[in-house]
Amino acid sequence: MAQFPAISPSSISLSLGGSNITRVETMTMGDVLFEHSASTDNLKCTATFENILSSQVASIDSHFQGQGGSALSFSVDASTFWGAIDFVPSNSKYRYVEPPSDEHFGVYNTVSVTLSIALGVIRDFLIAGEPAKLGSNIALDVYPFTGTAPFIFNADDADPAVAASFILNGNGAS
């Protein structure tokens, strides 16, 4: 996981998203709300970097390419990116919403990036893959898994006791 380049934005626009709630209309008593979790979804920020050098533009564009566009999550240096704003936890993960927008004005440039933010480390699964005994292992820190791939799900302690396993290979592991 690569960290976003250490460049301080000139301005940040933050969209707080919304609660993880489903609204269902009813005929007799109005809307019924179902809360799925206490987390906030669709938190986004747009950071604008004004009057930066071409080398800094290249580092942002290169980072975007290195993250596979919006495929891979990354971190930011909170003190450089957010400055005195203490809203986003330092262990949050970021993804690009769209490619960076570049404007070139001779020596100095302006770049805007829109990022999706997962507050804190949100994991659907936390699996320790280190005891796996297959071939070569690779380090893995990709949402939602963290550990060493391949992951082996063994069901031999399940009830009823039926020996079964499922192997999840990561990044072409075999």
N, C-alpha and C. Protein backbone atom coordinates (compact mmCIF):
# COMPACT_ATOMS: atom_id res chain seq x y z
N MET A 1 0.85 -1.17 0.00
CA MET A 1 0.00 0.00 0.00
C MET A 1 0.89 1.23 0.00
N ALA A 2 0.76 2.05 -1.00
CA ALA A 2 1.56 3.26 -1.13
C ALA A 2 0.87 4.43 -0.42
N GLN A 3 1.68 5.30 0.13
CA GLN A 3 1.14 6.48 0.78
C GLN A 3 1.04 7.61 -0.23
N PHE A 4 0.01 8.45 -0.09
CA PHE A 4 -0.18 9.60 -0.96
C PHE A 4 1.03 10.52 -0.83
N PRO A 5 1.45 11.17 -1.92
CA PRO A 5 2.62 12.06 -1.85
C PRO A 5 2.46 13.13 -0.76
N ALA A 6 3.55 13.46 -0.10
CA ALA A 6 3.54 14.42 1.01
C ALA A 6 3.49 15.85 0.48
N ILE A 7 2.31 16.25 0.00
CA ILE A 7 2.07 17.60 -0.52
C ILE A 7 0.86 18.14 0.21
N SER A 8 0.97 19.35 0.75
CA SER A 8 -0.16 19.95 1.48
C SER A 8 -1.13 20.59 0.50
N PRO A 9 -2.41 20.25 0.61
CA PRO A 9 -3.40 20.87 -0.29
C PRO A 9 -3.66 22.33 0.09
N SER A 10 -4.04 23.11 -0.90
CA SER A 10 -4.40 24.51 -0.66
C SER A 10 -5.78 24.60 -0.05
N SER A 11 -6.68 23.69 -0.45
CA SER A 11 -8.03 23.67 0.11
C SER A 11 -8.57 22.25 0.08
N ILE A 12 -9.48 21.96 1.01
CA ILE A 12 -10.13 20.65 1.09
C ILE A 12 -11.62 20.87 1.24
N SER A 13 -12.38 20.18 0.41
CA SER A 13 -13.84 20.17 0.51
C SER A 13 -14.24 18.79 1.00
N LEU A 14 -15.03 18.73 2.08
CA LEU A 14 -15.37 17.47 2.70
C LEU A 14 -16.87 17.23 2.63
N SER A 15 -17.27 16.06 2.12
CA SER A 15 -18.67 15.64 2.10
C SER A 15 -18.83 14.52 3.11
N LEU A 16 -19.67 14.73 4.11
CA LEU A 16 -19.79 13.78 5.21
C LEU A 16 -20.58 12.53 4.88
N GLY A 17 -21.12 12.41 3.68
CA GLY A 17 -21.84 11.19 3.31
C GLY A 17 -23.13 11.07 4.07
N GLY A 18 -23.45 9.85 4.47
CA GLY A 18 -24.69 9.63 5.20
C GLY A 18 -24.63 8.38 6.03
N SER A 19 -25.60 8.24 6.89
CA SER A 19 -25.68 7.06 7.74
C SER A 19 -26.08 5.84 6.92
N ASN A 20 -25.74 4.68 7.42
CA ASN A 20 -26.02 3.42 6.74
C ASN A 20 -27.45 3.01 7.09
N ILE A 21 -28.41 3.71 6.48
CA ILE A 21 -29.84 3.54 6.80
C ILE A 21 -30.62 3.29 5.52
N THR A 22 -31.58 2.38 5.60
CA THR A 22 -32.51 2.15 4.51
C THR A 22 -33.87 2.71 4.92
N ARG A 23 -34.47 3.47 4.02
CA ARG A 23 -35.78 4.08 4.28
C ARG A 23 -36.83 3.29 3.49
N VAL A 24 -37.88 2.85 4.18
CA VAL A 24 -38.97 2.12 3.54
C VAL A 24 -40.27 2.87 3.79
N GLU A 25 -40.98 3.19 2.70
CA GLU A 25 -42.25 3.90 2.84
C GLU A 25 -43.34 2.91 3.21
N THR A 26 -44.23 3.35 4.09
CA THR A 26 -45.38 2.53 4.45
C THR A 26 -46.65 3.32 4.16
N MET A 27 -47.75 2.62 4.02
CA MET A 27 -49.02 3.28 3.70
C MET A 27 -49.63 3.98 4.91
N THR A 28 -49.46 3.43 6.10
CA THR A 28 -50.22 3.92 7.24
C THR A 28 -49.47 4.84 8.18
N MET A 29 -48.16 4.63 8.39
CA MET A 29 -47.49 5.42 9.43
C MET A 29 -46.26 6.17 8.95
N GLY A 30 -46.11 6.39 7.68
CA GLY A 30 -44.95 7.11 7.19
C GLY A 30 -43.75 6.21 7.00
N ASP A 31 -42.59 6.80 6.89
CA ASP A 31 -41.38 6.04 6.60
C ASP A 31 -40.91 5.25 7.83
N VAL A 32 -40.38 4.05 7.56
CA VAL A 32 -39.72 3.24 8.58
C VAL A 32 -38.25 3.20 8.21
N LEU A 33 -37.38 3.46 9.19
CA LEU A 33 -35.94 3.51 8.94
C LEU A 33 -35.27 2.29 9.56
N PHE A 34 -34.40 1.63 8.79
CA PHE A 34 -33.64 0.49 9.26
C PHE A 34 -32.17 0.88 9.27
N GLU A 35 -31.57 0.90 10.46
CA GLU A 35 -30.16 1.22 10.58
C GLU A 35 -29.36 -0.07 10.49
N HIS A 36 -28.45 -0.16 9.51
CA HIS A 36 -27.66 -1.37 9.28
C HIS A 36 -26.39 -1.39 10.11
N SER A 37 -25.83 -0.23 10.39
CA SER A 37 -24.64 -0.14 11.23
C SER A 37 -24.51 1.32 11.68
N ALA A 38 -23.62 1.53 12.63
CA ALA A 38 -23.40 2.89 13.13
C ALA A 38 -22.37 3.64 12.30
N SER A 39 -21.87 3.04 11.23
CA SER A 39 -20.83 3.69 10.42
C SER A 39 -21.45 4.68 9.42
N THR A 40 -20.60 5.56 8.93
CA THR A 40 -21.00 6.54 7.93
C THR A 40 -20.49 6.07 6.57
N ASP A 41 -21.32 6.15 5.56
CA ASP A 41 -20.95 5.73 4.21
C ASP A 41 -20.77 6.95 3.31
N ASN A 42 -20.01 6.75 2.24
CA ASN A 42 -19.83 7.75 1.19
C ASN A 42 -19.17 9.04 1.67
N LEU A 43 -18.22 8.91 2.59
CA LEU A 43 -17.44 10.06 3.02
C LEU A 43 -16.42 10.35 1.92
N LYS A 44 -16.42 11.59 1.42
CA LYS A 44 -15.52 11.96 0.32
C LYS A 44 -14.89 13.31 0.61
N CYS A 45 -13.69 13.49 0.05
CA CYS A 45 -13.06 14.81 0.12
C CYS A 45 -12.46 15.13 -1.25
N THR A 46 -12.48 16.41 -1.56
CA THR A 46 -11.80 16.90 -2.76
C THR A 46 -10.70 17.84 -2.29
N ALA A 47 -9.47 17.48 -2.61
CA ALA A 47 -8.32 18.29 -2.23
C ALA A 47 -7.79 19.00 -3.47
N THR A 48 -7.54 20.29 -3.34
CA THR A 48 -7.01 21.08 -4.45
C THR A 48 -5.61 21.55 -4.07
N PHE A 49 -4.68 21.28 -4.97
CA PHE A 49 -3.27 21.66 -4.79
C PHE A 49 -2.97 22.75 -5.80
N GLU A 50 -2.85 24.00 -5.34
CA GLU A 50 -2.63 25.13 -6.24
C GLU A 50 -1.16 25.52 -6.24
N ASN A 51 -0.71 25.99 -7.40
CA ASN A 51 0.66 26.50 -7.56
C ASN A 51 1.72 25.48 -7.16
N ILE A 52 1.56 24.25 -7.65
CA ILE A 52 2.58 23.24 -7.38
C ILE A 52 3.42 23.00 -8.63
N LEU A 53 4.59 22.47 -8.43
CA LEU A 53 5.53 22.25 -9.53
C LEU A 53 5.13 21.02 -10.36
N SER A 54 5.63 20.95 -11.58
CA SER A 54 5.34 19.82 -12.46
C SER A 54 5.79 18.50 -11.85
N SER A 55 6.88 18.51 -11.09
CA SER A 55 7.36 17.27 -10.46
C SER A 55 6.35 16.78 -9.41
N GLN A 56 5.68 17.72 -8.72
CA GLN A 56 4.67 17.33 -7.74
C GLN A 56 3.41 16.80 -8.44
N VAL A 57 3.06 17.40 -9.57
CA VAL A 57 1.94 16.90 -10.37
C VAL A 57 2.25 15.48 -10.82
N ALA A 58 3.47 15.26 -11.28
CA ALA A 58 3.87 13.92 -11.75
C ALA A 58 3.80 12.91 -10.62
N SER A 59 4.15 13.31 -9.39
CA SER A 59 4.09 12.36 -8.27
C SER A 59 2.65 11.99 -7.93
N ILE A 60 1.72 12.93 -8.04
CA ILE A 60 0.30 12.62 -7.80
C ILE A 60 -0.23 11.71 -8.91
N ASP A 61 0.07 12.05 -10.16
CA ASP A 61 -0.38 11.22 -11.29
C ASP A 61 0.22 9.83 -11.23
N SER A 62 1.49 9.73 -10.86
CA SER A 62 2.16 8.44 -10.73
C SER A 62 1.54 7.61 -9.61
N HIS A 63 1.19 8.26 -8.50
CA HIS A 63 0.55 7.56 -7.39
C HIS A 63 -0.79 7.00 -7.84
N PHE A 64 -1.57 7.79 -8.57
CA PHE A 64 -2.86 7.33 -9.09
C PHE A 64 -2.67 6.08 -9.95
N GLN A 65 -1.70 6.11 -10.84
CA GLN A 65 -1.43 4.95 -11.70
C GLN A 65 -0.97 3.75 -10.87
N GLY A 66 -0.12 3.98 -9.87
CA GLY A 66 0.38 2.91 -9.03
C GLY A 66 -0.70 2.25 -8.20
N GLN A 67 -1.77 2.97 -7.91
CA GLN A 67 -2.88 2.42 -7.14
C GLN A 67 -3.92 1.76 -8.05
N GLY A 68 -3.58 1.65 -9.33
CA GLY A 68 -4.54 1.05 -10.27
C GLY A 68 -5.79 1.89 -10.39
N GLY A 69 -5.63 3.20 -10.38
CA GLY A 69 -6.79 4.09 -10.39
C GLY A 69 -7.45 4.05 -9.02
N SER A 70 -8.67 3.54 -8.96
CA SER A 70 -9.37 3.45 -7.68
C SER A 70 -9.38 2.03 -7.14
N ALA A 71 -8.56 1.14 -7.71
CA ALA A 71 -8.59 -0.27 -7.31
C ALA A 71 -7.99 -0.52 -5.93
N LEU A 72 -6.91 0.16 -5.59
CA LEU A 72 -6.22 -0.12 -4.32
C LEU A 72 -6.37 1.05 -3.35
N SER A 73 -6.50 0.72 -2.08
CA SER A 73 -6.58 1.76 -1.06
C SER A 73 -5.18 2.20 -0.66
N PHE A 74 -5.10 3.35 -0.01
CA PHE A 74 -3.81 3.89 0.42
C PHE A 74 -4.03 4.76 1.65
N SER A 75 -2.93 5.21 2.24
CA SER A 75 -3.00 6.09 3.40
C SER A 75 -2.46 7.47 3.02
N VAL A 76 -2.67 8.43 3.90
CA VAL A 76 -2.09 9.76 3.72
C VAL A 76 -1.37 10.13 5.01
N ASP A 77 -0.37 10.99 4.91
CA ASP A 77 0.27 11.54 6.10
C ASP A 77 -0.69 12.59 6.65
N ALA A 78 -1.35 12.27 7.75
CA ALA A 78 -2.42 13.13 8.27
C ALA A 78 -1.96 14.55 8.54
N SER A 79 -0.78 14.73 9.10
CA SER A 79 -0.32 16.08 9.43
C SER A 79 -0.06 16.92 8.18
N THR A 80 0.40 16.28 7.10
CA THR A 80 0.64 17.01 5.86
C THR A 80 -0.66 17.26 5.11
N PHE A 81 -1.50 16.23 5.01
CA PHE A 81 -2.71 16.33 4.20
C PHE A 81 -3.80 17.15 4.90
N TRP A 82 -4.09 16.82 6.16
CA TRP A 82 -5.19 17.46 6.87
C TRP A 82 -4.76 18.67 7.70
N GLY A 83 -3.47 18.79 7.99
CA GLY A 83 -3.01 19.92 8.81
C GLY A 83 -3.60 19.84 10.21
N ALA A 84 -4.26 20.92 10.65
CA ALA A 84 -4.80 20.99 12.01
C ALA A 84 -6.18 20.33 12.14
N ILE A 85 -6.77 19.88 11.04
CA ILE A 85 -8.08 19.24 11.11
C ILE A 85 -7.92 17.87 11.74
N ASP A 86 -8.63 17.63 12.83
CA ASP A 86 -8.52 16.36 13.55
C ASP A 86 -9.83 15.59 13.44
N PHE A 87 -10.30 15.39 12.21
CA PHE A 87 -11.58 14.73 12.00
C PHE A 87 -11.43 13.29 11.53
N VAL A 88 -10.48 13.05 10.65
CA VAL A 88 -10.30 11.74 10.05
C VAL A 88 -9.24 10.96 10.83
N PRO A 89 -9.56 9.76 11.34
CA PRO A 89 -8.56 8.97 12.06
C PRO A 89 -7.34 8.67 11.18
N SER A 90 -6.16 8.61 11.79
CA SER A 90 -4.92 8.43 11.03
C SER A 90 -4.84 7.06 10.36
N ASN A 91 -5.59 6.06 10.83
CA ASN A 91 -5.54 4.73 10.20
C ASN A 91 -6.61 4.54 9.14
N SER A 92 -7.23 5.62 8.68
CA SER A 92 -8.24 5.53 7.64
C SER A 92 -7.62 5.15 6.31
N LYS A 93 -8.40 4.53 5.45
CA LYS A 93 -7.97 4.15 4.11
C LYS A 93 -8.66 5.05 3.09
N TYR A 94 -7.95 5.34 2.02
CA TYR A 94 -8.44 6.23 0.98
C TYR A 94 -8.43 5.50 -0.36
N ARG A 95 -9.33 5.89 -1.25
CA ARG A 95 -9.35 5.42 -2.64
C ARG A 95 -9.69 6.60 -3.54
N TYR A 96 -9.15 6.57 -4.74
CA TYR A 96 -9.50 7.61 -5.71
C TYR A 96 -10.92 7.38 -6.21
N VAL A 97 -11.72 8.44 -6.28
CA VAL A 97 -13.06 8.36 -6.85
C VAL A 97 -12.98 8.51 -8.37
N GLU A 98 -12.05 9.33 -8.81
CA GLU A 98 -11.84 9.60 -10.24
C GLU A 98 -10.39 10.01 -10.44
N PRO A 99 -9.93 10.05 -11.69
CA PRO A 99 -8.54 10.46 -11.93
C PRO A 99 -8.29 11.91 -11.49
N PRO A 100 -7.05 12.24 -11.11
CA PRO A 100 -6.74 13.63 -10.76
C PRO A 100 -7.01 14.55 -11.93
N SER A 101 -7.45 15.76 -11.63
CA SER A 101 -7.72 16.78 -12.64
C SER A 101 -6.57 17.79 -12.61
N ASP A 102 -5.83 17.89 -13.72
CA ASP A 102 -4.65 18.74 -13.80
C ASP A 102 -4.93 19.98 -14.66
N GLU A 103 -4.46 21.14 -14.20
CA GLU A 103 -4.45 22.37 -15.00
C GLU A 103 -3.03 22.91 -14.98
N HIS A 104 -2.50 23.20 -16.16
CA HIS A 104 -1.11 23.63 -16.26
C HIS A 104 -1.05 25.10 -16.67
N PHE A 105 -0.26 25.88 -15.91
CA PHE A 105 -0.11 27.31 -16.16
C PHE A 105 1.36 27.67 -16.22
N GLY A 106 2.09 27.10 -17.16
CA GLY A 106 3.52 27.37 -17.25
C GLY A 106 4.28 26.60 -16.19
N VAL A 107 4.96 27.29 -15.29
CA VAL A 107 5.78 26.65 -14.27
C VAL A 107 4.91 26.03 -13.17
N TYR A 108 3.84 26.72 -12.80
CA TYR A 108 2.99 26.25 -11.71
C TYR A 108 1.71 25.62 -12.23
N ASN A 109 1.17 24.70 -11.43
CA ASN A 109 0.02 23.91 -11.85
C ASN A 109 -0.98 23.80 -10.72
N THR A 110 -2.19 23.40 -11.09
CA THR A 110 -3.24 23.13 -10.11
C THR A 110 -3.76 21.72 -10.35
N VAL A 111 -3.87 20.95 -9.27
CA VAL A 111 -4.38 19.58 -9.36
C VAL A 111 -5.48 19.40 -8.32
N SER A 112 -6.57 18.75 -8.72
CA SER A 112 -7.65 18.40 -7.79
C SER A 112 -7.80 16.89 -7.78
N VAL A 113 -7.93 16.32 -6.59
CA VAL A 113 -8.19 14.88 -6.45
C VAL A 113 -9.42 14.70 -5.55
N THR A 114 -10.27 13.76 -5.94
CA THR A 114 -11.43 13.40 -5.13
C THR A 114 -11.21 12.01 -4.58
N LEU A 115 -11.28 11.90 -3.25
CA LEU A 115 -10.97 10.65 -2.57
C LEU A 115 -12.16 10.17 -1.76
N SER A 116 -12.37 8.88 -1.74
CA SER A 116 -13.34 8.23 -0.88
C SER A 116 -12.59 7.78 0.37
N ILE A 117 -13.19 7.97 1.55
CA ILE A 117 -12.50 7.70 2.81
C ILE A 117 -13.26 6.64 3.60
N ALA A 118 -12.56 5.59 4.01
CA ALA A 118 -13.10 4.61 4.95
C ALA A 118 -12.53 4.94 6.32
N LEU A 119 -13.37 5.46 7.22
CA LEU A 119 -12.90 5.90 8.53
C LEU A 119 -12.38 4.74 9.34
N GLY A 120 -11.17 4.89 9.86
CA GLY A 120 -10.57 3.81 10.63
C GLY A 120 -10.33 2.62 9.72
N VAL A 121 -9.93 1.51 10.26
CA VAL A 121 -9.73 0.30 9.47
C VAL A 121 -11.00 -0.52 9.58
N ILE A 122 -11.76 -0.58 8.51
CA ILE A 122 -13.01 -1.33 8.50
C ILE A 122 -12.74 -2.63 7.78
N ARG A 123 -12.88 -3.72 8.46
CA ARG A 123 -12.60 -5.03 7.88
C ARG A 123 -13.83 -5.91 8.02
N ASP A 124 -14.20 -6.57 6.94
CA ASP A 124 -15.25 -7.58 7.03
C ASP A 124 -14.71 -8.85 7.66
N PHE A 125 -13.44 -9.15 7.42
CA PHE A 125 -12.80 -10.36 7.92
C PHE A 125 -11.42 -9.97 8.45
N LEU A 126 -11.00 -10.59 9.52
CA LEU A 126 -9.63 -10.45 9.99
C LEU A 126 -9.11 -11.87 10.13
N ILE A 127 -8.27 -12.28 9.21
CA ILE A 127 -7.83 -13.66 9.12
C ILE A 127 -6.32 -13.71 9.23
N ALA A 128 -5.82 -14.56 10.09
CA ALA A 128 -4.38 -14.77 10.19
C ALA A 128 -4.01 -15.90 9.27
N GLY A 129 -3.33 -15.62 8.18
CA GLY A 129 -2.98 -16.64 7.20
C GLY A 129 -1.60 -17.22 7.39
N GLU A 130 -0.88 -16.76 8.42
CA GLU A 130 0.51 -17.20 8.60
C GLU A 130 0.69 -18.71 8.75
N PRO A 131 -0.24 -19.49 9.39
CA PRO A 131 0.02 -20.92 9.53
C PRO A 131 -0.15 -21.71 8.22
N ALA A 132 -0.58 -21.06 7.14
CA ALA A 132 -0.80 -21.79 5.89
C ALA A 132 0.48 -22.49 5.45
N LYS A 133 0.34 -23.71 4.89
CA LYS A 133 1.51 -24.52 4.55
C LYS A 133 1.65 -24.74 3.05
N LEU A 134 1.08 -23.86 2.24
CA LEU A 134 1.17 -24.03 0.79
C LEU A 134 2.30 -23.19 0.22
N GLY A 135 3.02 -23.72 -0.75
CA GLY A 135 4.02 -23.03 -1.55
C GLY A 135 4.54 -21.72 -1.00
N SER A 136 4.61 -20.73 -1.85
CA SER A 136 5.13 -19.43 -1.43
C SER A 136 4.01 -18.56 -0.88
N ASN A 137 4.32 -17.76 0.10
CA ASN A 137 3.36 -16.84 0.69
C ASN A 137 3.73 -15.42 0.32
N ILE A 138 2.71 -14.57 0.22
CA ILE A 138 2.94 -13.17 -0.09
C ILE A 138 2.29 -12.31 0.99
N ALA A 139 2.86 -11.15 1.27
CA ALA A 139 2.25 -10.22 2.21
C ALA A 139 1.02 -9.61 1.55
N LEU A 140 -0.05 -9.46 2.32
CA LEU A 140 -1.31 -8.99 1.76
C LEU A 140 -1.96 -8.02 2.72
N ASP A 141 -2.32 -6.85 2.24
CA ASP A 141 -3.07 -5.88 3.03
C ASP A 141 -4.05 -5.20 2.09
N VAL A 142 -5.01 -5.96 1.63
CA VAL A 142 -6.00 -5.47 0.69
C VAL A 142 -7.37 -5.70 1.31
N TYR A 143 -8.18 -4.68 1.30
CA TYR A 143 -9.52 -4.76 1.85
C TYR A 143 -10.25 -5.93 1.23
N PRO A 144 -10.86 -6.86 1.93
CA PRO A 144 -11.07 -6.90 3.36
C PRO A 144 -10.11 -7.80 4.11
N PHE A 145 -9.02 -8.30 3.49
CA PHE A 145 -8.13 -9.25 4.16
C PHE A 145 -6.81 -8.59 4.53
N THR A 146 -6.25 -9.03 5.64
CA THR A 146 -4.90 -8.62 6.00
C THR A 146 -4.19 -9.84 6.57
N GLY A 147 -2.95 -10.05 6.20
CA GLY A 147 -2.22 -11.23 6.64
C GLY A 147 -1.28 -11.69 5.56
N THR A 148 -1.11 -12.98 5.43
CA THR A 148 -0.25 -13.57 4.42
C THR A 148 -1.06 -14.55 3.60
N ALA A 149 -1.12 -14.34 2.29
CA ALA A 149 -1.92 -15.20 1.41
C ALA A 149 -1.09 -16.40 1.00
N PRO A 150 -1.63 -17.53 0.65
CA PRO A 150 -3.07 -17.81 0.53
C PRO A 150 -3.71 -18.06 1.89
N PHE A 151 -5.01 -17.76 1.99
CA PHE A 151 -5.77 -18.03 3.19
C PHE A 151 -6.45 -19.39 3.04
N ILE A 152 -6.45 -20.18 4.09
CA ILE A 152 -7.09 -21.49 4.07
C ILE A 152 -8.18 -21.48 5.14
N PHE A 153 -9.41 -21.68 4.71
CA PHE A 153 -10.53 -21.77 5.64
C PHE A 153 -10.77 -23.24 5.93
N ASN A 154 -10.43 -23.69 7.11
CA ASN A 154 -10.63 -25.09 7.48
C ASN A 154 -11.90 -25.22 8.28
N ALA A 155 -12.68 -26.25 7.96
CA ALA A 155 -13.94 -26.48 8.66
C ALA A 155 -13.88 -27.75 9.49
N ASP A 156 -12.68 -28.23 9.82
CA ASP A 156 -12.59 -29.51 10.52
C ASP A 156 -13.04 -29.43 11.97
N ASP A 157 -13.19 -28.23 12.54
CA ASP A 157 -13.72 -28.10 13.89
C ASP A 157 -15.19 -27.70 13.87
N ALA A 158 -15.78 -27.68 12.70
CA ALA A 158 -17.18 -27.27 12.57
C ALA A 158 -18.10 -28.36 13.10
N ASP A 159 -19.33 -27.96 13.39
CA ASP A 159 -20.33 -28.91 13.85
C ASP A 159 -21.43 -28.98 12.80
N PRO A 160 -21.69 -30.06 12.14
CA PRO A 160 -21.09 -31.38 12.36
C PRO A 160 -19.66 -31.43 11.83
N ALA A 161 -18.86 -32.31 12.40
CA ALA A 161 -17.45 -32.41 12.06
C ALA A 161 -17.26 -33.04 10.70
N VAL A 162 -17.27 -32.22 9.67
CA VAL A 162 -17.05 -32.68 8.30
C VAL A 162 -15.78 -32.00 7.80
N ALA A 163 -14.80 -32.78 7.44
CA ALA A 163 -13.55 -32.20 6.97
C ALA A 163 -13.78 -31.49 5.64
N ALA A 164 -13.52 -30.20 5.62
CA ALA A 164 -13.67 -29.43 4.40
C ALA A 164 -12.74 -28.24 4.49
N SER A 165 -12.27 -27.76 3.36
CA SER A 165 -11.46 -26.55 3.36
C SER A 165 -11.72 -25.77 2.09
N PHE A 166 -11.44 -24.50 2.17
CA PHE A 166 -11.58 -23.58 1.05
C PHE A 166 -10.32 -22.76 1.00
N ILE A 167 -9.66 -22.73 -0.14
CA ILE A 167 -8.42 -21.99 -0.27
C ILE A 167 -8.67 -20.74 -1.12
N LEU A 168 -8.32 -19.59 -0.57
CA LEU A 168 -8.46 -18.32 -1.27
C LEU A 168 -7.07 -17.84 -1.64
N ASN A 169 -6.74 -17.88 -2.92
CA ASN A 169 -5.44 -17.45 -3.38
C ASN A 169 -5.45 -15.96 -3.68
N GLY A 170 -4.40 -15.26 -3.30
CA GLY A 170 -4.31 -13.83 -3.53
C GLY A 170 -3.17 -13.50 -4.47
N ASN A 171 -3.41 -12.56 -5.37
CA ASN A 171 -2.40 -12.05 -6.31
C ASN A 171 -1.72 -13.17 -7.08
N GLY A 172 -2.48 -14.13 -7.55
CA GLY A 172 -1.93 -15.19 -8.40
C GLY A 172 -1.22 -16.29 -7.65
N ALA A 173 -1.37 -16.36 -6.30
CA ALA A 173 -0.74 -17.43 -5.56
C ALA A 173 -1.37 -18.76 -5.95
N SER A 174 -0.60 -19.83 -5.88
CA SER A 174 -1.17 -21.14 -6.22
C SER A 174 -0.67 -22.19 -5.26
